Amino acid sequence: MFKTLLARVLGFSRRQDPDTPPDEFWAEMQECEQRIRELEARPPSVDILYEALQILKPRLHFDIELEGDPPTSVCLRHSSGMTHYLSFENGLYHDFWTQAAETDLDRSDSLERIVWSAAGMVPPSIYIRAYRWAERHHRIGRHPKTRKVIGVPTNIIENEYSKEFEKADGIWRRKL
């Protein structure tokens, strides 16, 4: 900590302004997040779910297909081999995912939460808040030799995540 402080005082290290916009990738992801939130205001359906995933497709590289006629689910395939079958039934979004021998069912009343979860990402606003908290408290994960930033520890992301979403009775819900 003393070395960091000394480097800052000598001008070798600069402190990032909390209002500094993130790099280009995160700026794009925040734009996607805003568009998905706009879709969440519309009546929920499989078509809205498909449209939300289409927003992320060019940036995150996965395959998306509507299944059924009329569409009853969306199949999302990651290059890692993970497959998600997403649907909307009885007021909840369902994500049945498989990878090798593992399977699970994730249920949520939030389009935003189910889309980011299926994409394998944390919503950008939550990740950026967690990153800034970790930066202020000197908890950013760094490579031991190069000191290059690796990322934010999972428990810090979970703390920020729990400020917006909670899981009750096996269903993820947005906090009011």
N, C-alpha and C. Protein backbone atom coordinates (compact mmCIF):
# COMPACT_ATOMS: atom_id res chain seq x y z
N MET A 1 0.82 -1.19 0.00
CA MET A 1 0.00 0.00 0.00
C MET A 1 0.86 1.25 0.00
N PHE A 2 1.97 1.23 0.74
CA PHE A 2 2.85 2.39 0.79
C PHE A 2 3.44 2.67 -0.59
N LYS A 3 3.81 1.60 -1.33
CA LYS A 3 4.37 1.78 -2.67
C LYS A 3 3.35 2.42 -3.61
N THR A 4 2.11 1.98 -3.49
CA THR A 4 1.05 2.55 -4.32
C THR A 4 0.86 4.02 -4.02
N LEU A 5 0.82 4.35 -2.75
CA LEU A 5 0.66 5.75 -2.35
C LEU A 5 1.84 6.59 -2.83
N LEU A 6 3.04 6.07 -2.66
CA LEU A 6 4.24 6.78 -3.09
C LEU A 6 4.23 6.98 -4.60
N ALA A 7 3.85 5.96 -5.36
CA ALA A 7 3.78 6.08 -6.82
C ALA A 7 2.78 7.14 -7.23
N ARG A 8 1.65 7.20 -6.52
CA ARG A 8 0.65 8.22 -6.81
C ARG A 8 1.18 9.62 -6.53
N VAL A 9 1.85 9.80 -5.40
CA VAL A 9 2.40 11.11 -5.02
C VAL A 9 3.45 11.56 -6.03
N LEU A 10 4.28 10.63 -6.49
CA LEU A 10 5.33 10.97 -7.45
C LEU A 10 4.82 11.10 -8.89
N GLY A 11 3.56 10.76 -9.10
CA GLY A 11 2.95 10.92 -10.41
C GLY A 11 3.15 9.75 -11.35
N PHE A 12 3.66 8.62 -10.85
CA PHE A 12 3.85 7.44 -11.68
C PHE A 12 2.55 6.66 -11.87
N SER A 13 1.62 6.86 -11.00
CA SER A 13 0.35 6.15 -11.05
C SER A 13 -0.74 7.18 -10.91
N ARG A 14 -1.76 7.04 -11.74
CA ARG A 14 -2.86 8.00 -11.62
C ARG A 14 -4.10 7.30 -11.10
N ARG A 15 -4.84 8.00 -10.31
CA ARG A 15 -6.09 7.47 -9.77
C ARG A 15 -7.18 7.72 -10.79
N GLN A 16 -7.96 6.69 -11.09
CA GLN A 16 -9.03 6.85 -12.07
C GLN A 16 -10.19 7.60 -11.43
N ASP A 17 -10.66 8.60 -12.16
CA ASP A 17 -11.81 9.36 -11.72
C ASP A 17 -13.04 8.45 -11.77
N PRO A 18 -13.87 8.41 -10.70
CA PRO A 18 -15.02 7.49 -10.71
C PRO A 18 -16.01 7.78 -11.83
N ASP A 19 -15.99 8.99 -12.38
CA ASP A 19 -16.91 9.32 -13.46
C ASP A 19 -16.30 9.12 -14.84
N THR A 20 -15.07 8.63 -14.89
CA THR A 20 -14.42 8.35 -16.17
C THR A 20 -15.16 7.21 -16.86
N PRO A 21 -15.53 7.42 -18.13
CA PRO A 21 -16.24 6.32 -18.80
C PRO A 21 -15.33 5.12 -18.97
N PRO A 22 -15.90 3.90 -18.88
CA PRO A 22 -15.10 2.69 -19.05
C PRO A 22 -14.61 2.59 -20.49
N ASP A 23 -13.77 1.61 -20.75
CA ASP A 23 -13.25 1.45 -22.11
C ASP A 23 -14.37 1.17 -23.10
N GLU A 24 -14.01 1.05 -24.35
CA GLU A 24 -14.98 0.91 -25.43
C GLU A 24 -15.91 -0.30 -25.27
N PHE A 25 -15.35 -1.44 -24.87
CA PHE A 25 -16.17 -2.64 -24.69
C PHE A 25 -17.26 -2.40 -23.65
N TRP A 26 -16.88 -1.85 -22.50
CA TRP A 26 -17.87 -1.64 -21.45
C TRP A 26 -18.88 -0.58 -21.83
N ALA A 27 -18.47 0.40 -22.63
CA ALA A 27 -19.42 1.41 -23.11
C ALA A 27 -20.47 0.74 -24.01
N GLU A 28 -20.02 -0.18 -24.89
CA GLU A 28 -20.96 -0.92 -25.72
C GLU A 28 -21.89 -1.79 -24.88
N MET A 29 -21.31 -2.45 -23.87
CA MET A 29 -22.12 -3.32 -23.02
C MET A 29 -23.16 -2.51 -22.24
N GLN A 30 -22.80 -1.31 -21.81
CA GLN A 30 -23.78 -0.47 -21.11
C GLN A 30 -24.90 -0.04 -22.05
N GLU A 31 -24.56 0.19 -23.30
CA GLU A 31 -25.58 0.52 -24.29
C GLU A 31 -26.53 -0.67 -24.48
N CYS A 32 -25.97 -1.87 -24.54
CA CYS A 32 -26.79 -3.09 -24.63
C CYS A 32 -27.70 -3.22 -23.41
N GLU A 33 -27.13 -2.97 -22.24
CA GLU A 33 -27.91 -3.06 -21.00
C GLU A 33 -29.10 -2.11 -21.04
N GLN A 34 -28.88 -0.90 -21.53
CA GLN A 34 -29.96 0.09 -21.62
C GLN A 34 -31.05 -0.39 -22.58
N ARG A 35 -30.66 -0.94 -23.72
CA ARG A 35 -31.63 -1.44 -24.69
C ARG A 35 -32.42 -2.62 -24.12
N ILE A 36 -31.76 -3.49 -23.35
CA ILE A 36 -32.46 -4.63 -22.74
C ILE A 36 -33.44 -4.14 -21.68
N ARG A 37 -33.07 -3.11 -20.93
CA ARG A 37 -34.00 -2.55 -19.93
C ARG A 37 -35.22 -1.94 -20.60
N GLU A 38 -35.03 -1.36 -21.78
CA GLU A 38 -36.17 -0.82 -22.53
C GLU A 38 -37.11 -1.95 -22.95
N LEU A 39 -36.54 -3.09 -23.36
CA LEU A 39 -37.36 -4.24 -23.73
C LEU A 39 -38.11 -4.80 -22.52
N GLU A 40 -37.49 -4.73 -21.35
CA GLU A 40 -38.11 -5.27 -20.14
C GLU A 40 -39.41 -4.52 -19.80
N ALA A 41 -39.53 -3.28 -20.26
CA ALA A 41 -40.73 -2.50 -19.99
C ALA A 41 -41.90 -2.98 -20.85
N ARG A 42 -41.63 -3.72 -21.92
CA ARG A 42 -42.69 -4.25 -22.78
C ARG A 42 -43.27 -5.53 -22.18
N PRO A 43 -44.45 -5.95 -22.63
CA PRO A 43 -45.03 -7.19 -22.10
C PRO A 43 -44.11 -8.39 -22.36
N PRO A 44 -43.84 -9.21 -21.34
CA PRO A 44 -42.90 -10.33 -21.49
C PRO A 44 -43.41 -11.41 -22.44
N SER A 45 -42.46 -11.97 -23.20
CA SER A 45 -42.78 -13.06 -24.12
C SER A 45 -41.47 -13.68 -24.59
N VAL A 46 -41.58 -14.80 -25.30
CA VAL A 46 -40.40 -15.45 -25.88
C VAL A 46 -39.79 -14.55 -26.95
N ASP A 47 -40.64 -13.83 -27.70
CA ASP A 47 -40.13 -12.94 -28.74
C ASP A 47 -39.27 -11.82 -28.15
N ILE A 48 -39.67 -11.27 -27.02
CA ILE A 48 -38.90 -10.23 -26.35
C ILE A 48 -37.57 -10.81 -25.86
N LEU A 49 -37.61 -12.01 -25.35
CA LEU A 49 -36.40 -12.71 -24.90
C LEU A 49 -35.43 -12.90 -26.07
N TYR A 50 -35.95 -13.33 -27.21
CA TYR A 50 -35.13 -13.51 -28.41
C TYR A 50 -34.53 -12.18 -28.87
N GLU A 51 -35.34 -11.14 -28.87
CA GLU A 51 -34.88 -9.81 -29.27
C GLU A 51 -33.76 -9.31 -28.34
N ALA A 52 -33.90 -9.55 -27.04
CA ALA A 52 -32.87 -9.13 -26.08
C ALA A 52 -31.56 -9.87 -26.32
N LEU A 53 -31.63 -11.15 -26.61
CA LEU A 53 -30.42 -11.93 -26.90
C LEU A 53 -29.78 -11.49 -28.21
N GLN A 54 -30.59 -11.08 -29.17
CA GLN A 54 -30.06 -10.58 -30.45
C GLN A 54 -29.22 -9.32 -30.25
N ILE A 55 -29.55 -8.53 -29.24
CA ILE A 55 -28.78 -7.32 -28.95
C ILE A 55 -27.35 -7.69 -28.56
N LEU A 56 -27.20 -8.78 -27.81
CA LEU A 56 -25.87 -9.19 -27.33
C LEU A 56 -25.10 -10.05 -28.33
N LYS A 57 -25.79 -10.70 -29.24
CA LYS A 57 -25.16 -11.68 -30.14
C LYS A 57 -23.92 -11.16 -30.87
N PRO A 58 -23.94 -9.98 -31.50
CA PRO A 58 -22.75 -9.55 -32.24
C PRO A 58 -21.53 -9.30 -31.35
N ARG A 59 -21.75 -9.04 -30.09
CA ARG A 59 -20.65 -8.71 -29.19
C ARG A 59 -20.12 -9.92 -28.42
N LEU A 60 -20.95 -10.94 -28.21
CA LEU A 60 -20.55 -12.05 -27.35
C LEU A 60 -20.44 -13.39 -28.08
N HIS A 61 -20.76 -13.46 -29.34
CA HIS A 61 -20.51 -14.63 -30.19
C HIS A 61 -21.12 -15.93 -29.66
N PHE A 62 -22.41 -16.08 -29.83
CA PHE A 62 -23.09 -17.34 -29.55
C PHE A 62 -24.19 -17.52 -30.58
N ASP A 63 -24.73 -18.73 -30.70
CA ASP A 63 -25.80 -19.02 -31.66
C ASP A 63 -27.14 -18.96 -30.96
N ILE A 64 -28.13 -18.38 -31.63
CA ILE A 64 -29.48 -18.26 -31.06
C ILE A 64 -30.48 -18.78 -32.08
N GLU A 65 -31.42 -19.59 -31.62
CA GLU A 65 -32.49 -20.10 -32.49
C GLU A 65 -33.81 -20.07 -31.74
N LEU A 66 -34.86 -19.67 -32.44
CA LEU A 66 -36.22 -19.80 -31.90
C LEU A 66 -36.66 -21.25 -32.14
N GLU A 67 -37.35 -21.84 -31.18
CA GLU A 67 -37.82 -23.21 -31.32
C GLU A 67 -39.33 -23.26 -31.18
N GLY A 68 -39.95 -24.05 -32.03
CA GLY A 68 -41.40 -24.22 -32.00
C GLY A 68 -42.11 -23.29 -32.98
N ASP A 69 -43.35 -23.64 -33.30
CA ASP A 69 -44.16 -22.80 -34.19
C ASP A 69 -45.57 -22.76 -33.64
N PRO A 70 -46.03 -21.74 -33.02
CA PRO A 70 -45.33 -20.48 -32.72
C PRO A 70 -44.19 -20.72 -31.73
N PRO A 71 -43.23 -19.77 -31.68
CA PRO A 71 -42.06 -19.96 -30.81
C PRO A 71 -42.43 -20.16 -29.34
N THR A 72 -41.87 -21.23 -28.75
CA THR A 72 -42.13 -21.51 -27.33
C THR A 72 -40.86 -21.37 -26.50
N SER A 73 -39.69 -21.41 -27.17
CA SER A 73 -38.43 -21.26 -26.44
C SER A 73 -37.35 -20.73 -27.37
N VAL A 74 -36.25 -20.32 -26.75
CA VAL A 74 -35.07 -19.85 -27.48
C VAL A 74 -33.92 -20.75 -27.06
N CYS A 75 -33.16 -21.24 -28.04
CA CYS A 75 -31.99 -22.07 -27.75
C CYS A 75 -30.76 -21.21 -27.99
N LEU A 76 -29.92 -21.13 -26.98
CA LEU A 76 -28.68 -20.35 -27.05
C LEU A 76 -27.51 -21.31 -26.86
N ARG A 77 -26.58 -21.32 -27.81
CA ARG A 77 -25.41 -22.21 -27.73
C ARG A 77 -24.13 -21.40 -27.66
N HIS A 78 -23.36 -21.62 -26.60
CA HIS A 78 -22.05 -20.99 -26.44
C HIS A 78 -20.99 -21.84 -27.15
N SER A 79 -19.90 -21.22 -27.53
CA SER A 79 -18.80 -21.96 -28.17
C SER A 79 -18.16 -22.94 -27.18
N SER A 80 -18.34 -22.70 -25.88
CA SER A 80 -17.78 -23.59 -24.85
C SER A 80 -18.53 -24.92 -24.74
N GLY A 81 -19.66 -25.04 -25.44
CA GLY A 81 -20.45 -26.25 -25.37
C GLY A 81 -21.66 -26.13 -24.46
N MET A 82 -21.79 -25.03 -23.77
CA MET A 82 -22.95 -24.83 -22.90
C MET A 82 -24.16 -24.45 -23.76
N THR A 83 -25.30 -25.04 -23.44
CA THR A 83 -26.55 -24.77 -24.15
C THR A 83 -27.61 -24.32 -23.16
N HIS A 84 -28.34 -23.27 -23.53
CA HIS A 84 -29.44 -22.75 -22.70
C HIS A 84 -30.74 -22.86 -23.49
N TYR A 85 -31.78 -23.36 -22.84
CA TYR A 85 -33.12 -23.37 -23.41
C TYR A 85 -33.95 -22.41 -22.58
N LEU A 86 -34.28 -21.26 -23.17
CA LEU A 86 -34.96 -20.20 -22.45
C LEU A 86 -36.42 -20.12 -22.89
N SER A 87 -37.31 -19.92 -21.92
CA SER A 87 -38.73 -19.80 -22.23
C SER A 87 -39.39 -18.84 -21.24
N PHE A 88 -40.65 -18.52 -21.53
CA PHE A 88 -41.44 -17.68 -20.64
C PHE A 88 -42.76 -18.37 -20.38
N GLU A 89 -43.02 -18.71 -19.11
CA GLU A 89 -44.26 -19.39 -18.73
C GLU A 89 -44.73 -18.90 -17.36
N ASN A 90 -46.02 -18.72 -17.21
CA ASN A 90 -46.64 -18.36 -15.93
C ASN A 90 -45.97 -17.15 -15.26
N GLY A 91 -45.62 -16.15 -16.04
CA GLY A 91 -45.06 -14.92 -15.49
C GLY A 91 -43.58 -15.00 -15.12
N LEU A 92 -42.90 -16.11 -15.48
CA LEU A 92 -41.47 -16.25 -15.16
C LEU A 92 -40.68 -16.67 -16.39
N TYR A 93 -39.45 -16.19 -16.44
CA TYR A 93 -38.50 -16.65 -17.45
C TYR A 93 -37.80 -17.89 -16.89
N HIS A 94 -37.65 -18.90 -17.73
CA HIS A 94 -36.99 -20.15 -17.34
C HIS A 94 -35.75 -20.34 -18.21
N ASP A 95 -34.67 -20.74 -17.57
CA ASP A 95 -33.42 -21.03 -18.28
C ASP A 95 -32.96 -22.42 -17.85
N PHE A 96 -33.21 -23.40 -18.73
CA PHE A 96 -32.72 -24.75 -18.48
C PHE A 96 -31.43 -24.86 -19.25
N TRP A 97 -30.31 -25.02 -18.52
CA TRP A 97 -29.01 -25.08 -19.20
C TRP A 97 -28.33 -26.41 -18.99
N THR A 98 -27.51 -26.78 -19.97
CA THR A 98 -26.75 -28.02 -19.91
C THR A 98 -25.31 -27.76 -20.36
N GLN A 99 -24.39 -28.44 -19.74
CA GLN A 99 -23.00 -28.46 -20.17
C GLN A 99 -22.42 -29.79 -19.74
N ALA A 100 -22.07 -30.59 -20.74
CA ALA A 100 -21.62 -31.96 -20.48
C ALA A 100 -22.67 -32.67 -19.63
N ALA A 101 -22.30 -33.18 -18.46
CA ALA A 101 -23.24 -33.92 -17.62
C ALA A 101 -24.01 -33.02 -16.65
N GLU A 102 -23.65 -31.75 -16.58
CA GLU A 102 -24.31 -30.83 -15.64
C GLU A 102 -25.56 -30.21 -16.26
N THR A 103 -26.61 -30.08 -15.45
CA THR A 103 -27.82 -29.38 -15.88
C THR A 103 -28.36 -28.60 -14.69
N ASP A 104 -29.15 -27.58 -14.99
CA ASP A 104 -29.78 -26.81 -13.92
C ASP A 104 -30.92 -25.99 -14.52
N LEU A 105 -31.81 -25.55 -13.66
CA LEU A 105 -32.92 -24.70 -14.05
C LEU A 105 -32.82 -23.41 -13.26
N ASP A 106 -32.85 -22.31 -13.98
CA ASP A 106 -32.77 -20.98 -13.37
C ASP A 106 -34.08 -20.27 -13.71
N ARG A 107 -34.75 -19.70 -12.70
CA ARG A 107 -36.01 -19.00 -12.95
C ARG A 107 -35.90 -17.57 -12.45
N SER A 108 -36.51 -16.64 -13.22
CA SER A 108 -36.43 -15.24 -12.85
C SER A 108 -37.65 -14.49 -13.37
N ASP A 109 -38.02 -13.43 -12.67
CA ASP A 109 -39.10 -12.58 -13.17
C ASP A 109 -38.53 -11.40 -13.95
N SER A 110 -37.21 -11.32 -14.07
CA SER A 110 -36.55 -10.20 -14.74
C SER A 110 -35.91 -10.64 -16.06
N LEU A 111 -36.32 -10.00 -17.14
CA LEU A 111 -35.72 -10.27 -18.45
C LEU A 111 -34.23 -9.95 -18.41
N GLU A 112 -33.88 -8.82 -17.83
CA GLU A 112 -32.48 -8.40 -17.78
C GLU A 112 -31.61 -9.46 -17.10
N ARG A 113 -32.06 -9.95 -15.97
CA ARG A 113 -31.27 -10.91 -15.22
C ARG A 113 -31.08 -12.23 -15.97
N ILE A 114 -32.15 -12.73 -16.59
CA ILE A 114 -32.07 -14.01 -17.28
C ILE A 114 -31.21 -13.91 -18.53
N VAL A 115 -31.27 -12.78 -19.23
CA VAL A 115 -30.49 -12.60 -20.46
C VAL A 115 -29.00 -12.53 -20.14
N TRP A 116 -28.61 -11.71 -19.15
CA TRP A 116 -27.19 -11.60 -18.81
C TRP A 116 -26.66 -12.91 -18.24
N SER A 117 -27.48 -13.61 -17.48
CA SER A 117 -27.06 -14.89 -16.91
C SER A 117 -26.82 -15.91 -18.01
N ALA A 118 -27.74 -16.00 -18.97
CA ALA A 118 -27.58 -16.94 -20.08
C ALA A 118 -26.37 -16.58 -20.95
N ALA A 119 -26.10 -15.30 -21.07
CA ALA A 119 -24.94 -14.84 -21.86
C ALA A 119 -23.63 -15.10 -21.12
N GLY A 120 -23.73 -15.43 -19.84
CA GLY A 120 -22.53 -15.72 -19.06
C GLY A 120 -21.83 -14.48 -18.55
N MET A 121 -22.58 -13.40 -18.36
CA MET A 121 -21.99 -12.14 -17.91
C MET A 121 -22.79 -11.56 -16.74
N VAL A 122 -22.14 -10.68 -16.03
CA VAL A 122 -22.79 -9.87 -15.00
C VAL A 122 -23.24 -8.59 -15.70
N PRO A 123 -24.42 -8.06 -15.39
CA PRO A 123 -24.81 -6.79 -16.01
C PRO A 123 -23.70 -5.75 -15.82
N PRO A 124 -23.37 -5.02 -16.88
CA PRO A 124 -22.24 -4.08 -16.83
C PRO A 124 -22.29 -3.07 -15.70
N SER A 125 -23.48 -2.54 -15.41
CA SER A 125 -23.56 -1.53 -14.34
C SER A 125 -23.14 -2.13 -13.00
N ILE A 126 -23.49 -3.39 -12.76
CA ILE A 126 -23.12 -4.06 -11.52
C ILE A 126 -21.62 -4.33 -11.49
N TYR A 127 -21.07 -4.80 -12.61
CA TYR A 127 -19.63 -5.09 -12.66
C TYR A 127 -18.81 -3.81 -12.47
N ILE A 128 -19.22 -2.73 -13.10
CA ILE A 128 -18.48 -1.47 -12.99
C ILE A 128 -18.53 -0.95 -11.56
N ARG A 129 -19.70 -1.04 -10.90
CA ARG A 129 -19.78 -0.63 -9.49
C ARG A 129 -18.87 -1.47 -8.62
N ALA A 130 -18.85 -2.79 -8.87
CA ALA A 130 -17.99 -3.69 -8.10
C ALA A 130 -16.51 -3.37 -8.36
N TYR A 131 -16.17 -3.08 -9.61
CA TYR A 131 -14.78 -2.76 -9.95
C TYR A 131 -14.34 -1.49 -9.22
N ARG A 132 -15.20 -0.49 -9.22
CA ARG A 132 -14.84 0.77 -8.56
C ARG A 132 -14.72 0.60 -7.04
N TRP A 133 -15.59 -0.23 -6.46
CA TRP A 133 -15.48 -0.50 -5.03
C TRP A 133 -14.17 -1.20 -4.73
N ALA A 134 -13.85 -2.22 -5.54
CA ALA A 134 -12.61 -2.98 -5.34
C ALA A 134 -11.39 -2.08 -5.53
N GLU A 135 -11.48 -1.18 -6.47
CA GLU A 135 -10.37 -0.25 -6.71
C GLU A 135 -10.16 0.67 -5.51
N ARG A 136 -11.24 1.20 -4.98
CA ARG A 136 -11.14 2.10 -3.80
C ARG A 136 -10.57 1.38 -2.59
N HIS A 137 -10.89 0.08 -2.46
CA HIS A 137 -10.46 -0.68 -1.29
C HIS A 137 -9.25 -1.57 -1.58
N HIS A 138 -8.59 -1.33 -2.72
CA HIS A 138 -7.37 -2.06 -3.09
C HIS A 138 -7.59 -3.57 -3.10
N ARG A 139 -8.69 -4.00 -3.72
CA ARG A 139 -9.03 -5.43 -3.77
C ARG A 139 -9.09 -5.96 -5.21
N ILE A 140 -8.59 -5.20 -6.17
CA ILE A 140 -8.59 -5.64 -7.56
C ILE A 140 -7.66 -6.84 -7.70
N GLY A 141 -8.13 -7.87 -8.41
CA GLY A 141 -7.28 -9.03 -8.65
C GLY A 141 -6.20 -8.70 -9.68
N ARG A 142 -4.95 -8.94 -9.34
CA ARG A 142 -3.83 -8.65 -10.24
C ARG A 142 -2.95 -9.88 -10.41
N HIS A 143 -2.36 -10.00 -11.58
CA HIS A 143 -1.42 -11.09 -11.85
C HIS A 143 -0.21 -10.89 -10.95
N PRO A 144 0.25 -11.94 -10.26
CA PRO A 144 1.34 -11.77 -9.29
C PRO A 144 2.66 -11.28 -9.88
N LYS A 145 2.94 -11.61 -11.14
CA LYS A 145 4.21 -11.18 -11.72
C LYS A 145 4.10 -9.89 -12.51
N THR A 146 3.09 -9.78 -13.35
CA THR A 146 2.98 -8.61 -14.22
C THR A 146 2.21 -7.46 -13.58
N ARG A 147 1.45 -7.75 -12.53
CA ARG A 147 0.59 -6.78 -11.85
C ARG A 147 -0.54 -6.27 -12.75
N LYS A 148 -0.76 -6.95 -13.86
CA LYS A 148 -1.85 -6.59 -14.77
C LYS A 148 -3.18 -6.96 -14.12
N VAL A 149 -4.18 -6.12 -14.28
CA VAL A 149 -5.50 -6.36 -13.68
C VAL A 149 -6.13 -7.61 -14.29
N ILE A 150 -6.54 -8.53 -13.42
CA ILE A 150 -7.23 -9.75 -13.85
C ILE A 150 -8.73 -9.54 -13.74
N GLY A 151 -9.18 -8.95 -12.65
CA GLY A 151 -10.61 -8.71 -12.48
C GLY A 151 -10.98 -8.46 -11.05
N VAL A 152 -12.28 -8.48 -10.83
CA VAL A 152 -12.84 -8.20 -9.52
C VAL A 152 -13.17 -9.52 -8.83
N PRO A 153 -12.80 -9.70 -7.56
CA PRO A 153 -13.16 -10.93 -6.86
C PRO A 153 -14.67 -11.18 -6.87
N THR A 154 -15.04 -12.44 -7.02
CA THR A 154 -16.44 -12.84 -7.14
C THR A 154 -17.30 -12.35 -5.98
N ASN A 155 -16.78 -12.42 -4.75
CA ASN A 155 -17.60 -12.02 -3.61
C ASN A 155 -17.97 -10.53 -3.67
N ILE A 156 -17.12 -9.70 -4.25
CA ILE A 156 -17.43 -8.27 -4.38
C ILE A 156 -18.53 -8.08 -5.42
N ILE A 157 -18.45 -8.83 -6.52
CA ILE A 157 -19.49 -8.76 -7.54
C ILE A 157 -20.82 -9.23 -6.95
N GLU A 158 -20.79 -10.31 -6.18
CA GLU A 158 -22.02 -10.83 -5.56
C GLU A 158 -22.64 -9.81 -4.61
N ASN A 159 -21.81 -9.07 -3.88
CA ASN A 159 -22.34 -8.03 -2.98
C ASN A 159 -23.09 -6.98 -3.78
N GLU A 160 -22.51 -6.53 -4.90
CA GLU A 160 -23.19 -5.53 -5.73
C GLU A 160 -24.44 -6.12 -6.38
N TYR A 161 -24.35 -7.39 -6.81
CA TYR A 161 -25.47 -8.07 -7.45
C TYR A 161 -26.65 -8.17 -6.49
N SER A 162 -26.36 -8.45 -5.23
CA SER A 162 -27.43 -8.62 -4.24
C SER A 162 -28.15 -7.31 -3.93
N LYS A 163 -27.59 -6.19 -4.33
CA LYS A 163 -28.27 -4.90 -4.14
C LYS A 163 -29.42 -4.72 -5.12
N GLU A 164 -29.37 -5.45 -6.26
CA GLU A 164 -30.42 -5.33 -7.27
C GLU A 164 -31.34 -6.55 -7.36
N PHE A 165 -30.78 -7.75 -7.10
CA PHE A 165 -31.56 -8.98 -7.26
C PHE A 165 -31.46 -9.83 -6.01
N GLU A 166 -32.53 -10.59 -5.75
CA GLU A 166 -32.51 -11.53 -4.63
C GLU A 166 -33.19 -12.82 -5.07
N LYS A 167 -32.76 -13.93 -4.47
CA LYS A 167 -33.35 -15.22 -4.80
C LYS A 167 -34.20 -15.67 -3.63
N ALA A 168 -35.48 -15.85 -3.90
CA ALA A 168 -36.41 -16.31 -2.87
C ALA A 168 -37.26 -17.42 -3.47
N ASP A 169 -37.39 -18.53 -2.77
CA ASP A 169 -38.16 -19.68 -3.23
C ASP A 169 -37.69 -20.18 -4.60
N GLY A 170 -36.39 -20.09 -4.86
CA GLY A 170 -35.82 -20.58 -6.11
C GLY A 170 -36.03 -19.67 -7.31
N ILE A 171 -36.54 -18.47 -7.07
CA ILE A 171 -36.82 -17.54 -8.17
C ILE A 171 -36.04 -16.24 -7.94
N TRP A 172 -35.31 -15.82 -8.96
CA TRP A 172 -34.60 -14.53 -8.88
C TRP A 172 -35.56 -13.40 -9.15
N ARG A 173 -35.58 -12.42 -8.27
CA ARG A 173 -36.46 -11.26 -8.43
C ARG A 173 -35.66 -9.98 -8.24
N ARG A 174 -36.09 -8.95 -8.98
CA ARG A 174 -35.48 -7.65 -8.82
C ARG A 174 -35.98 -7.03 -7.52
N LYS A 175 -35.05 -6.48 -6.74
CA LYS A 175 -35.46 -5.81 -5.50
C LYS A 175 -36.16 -4.52 -5.85
N LEU A 176 -37.14 -4.16 -5.06
CA LEU A 176 -37.88 -2.92 -5.34
C LEU A 176 -37.19 -1.71 -4.84
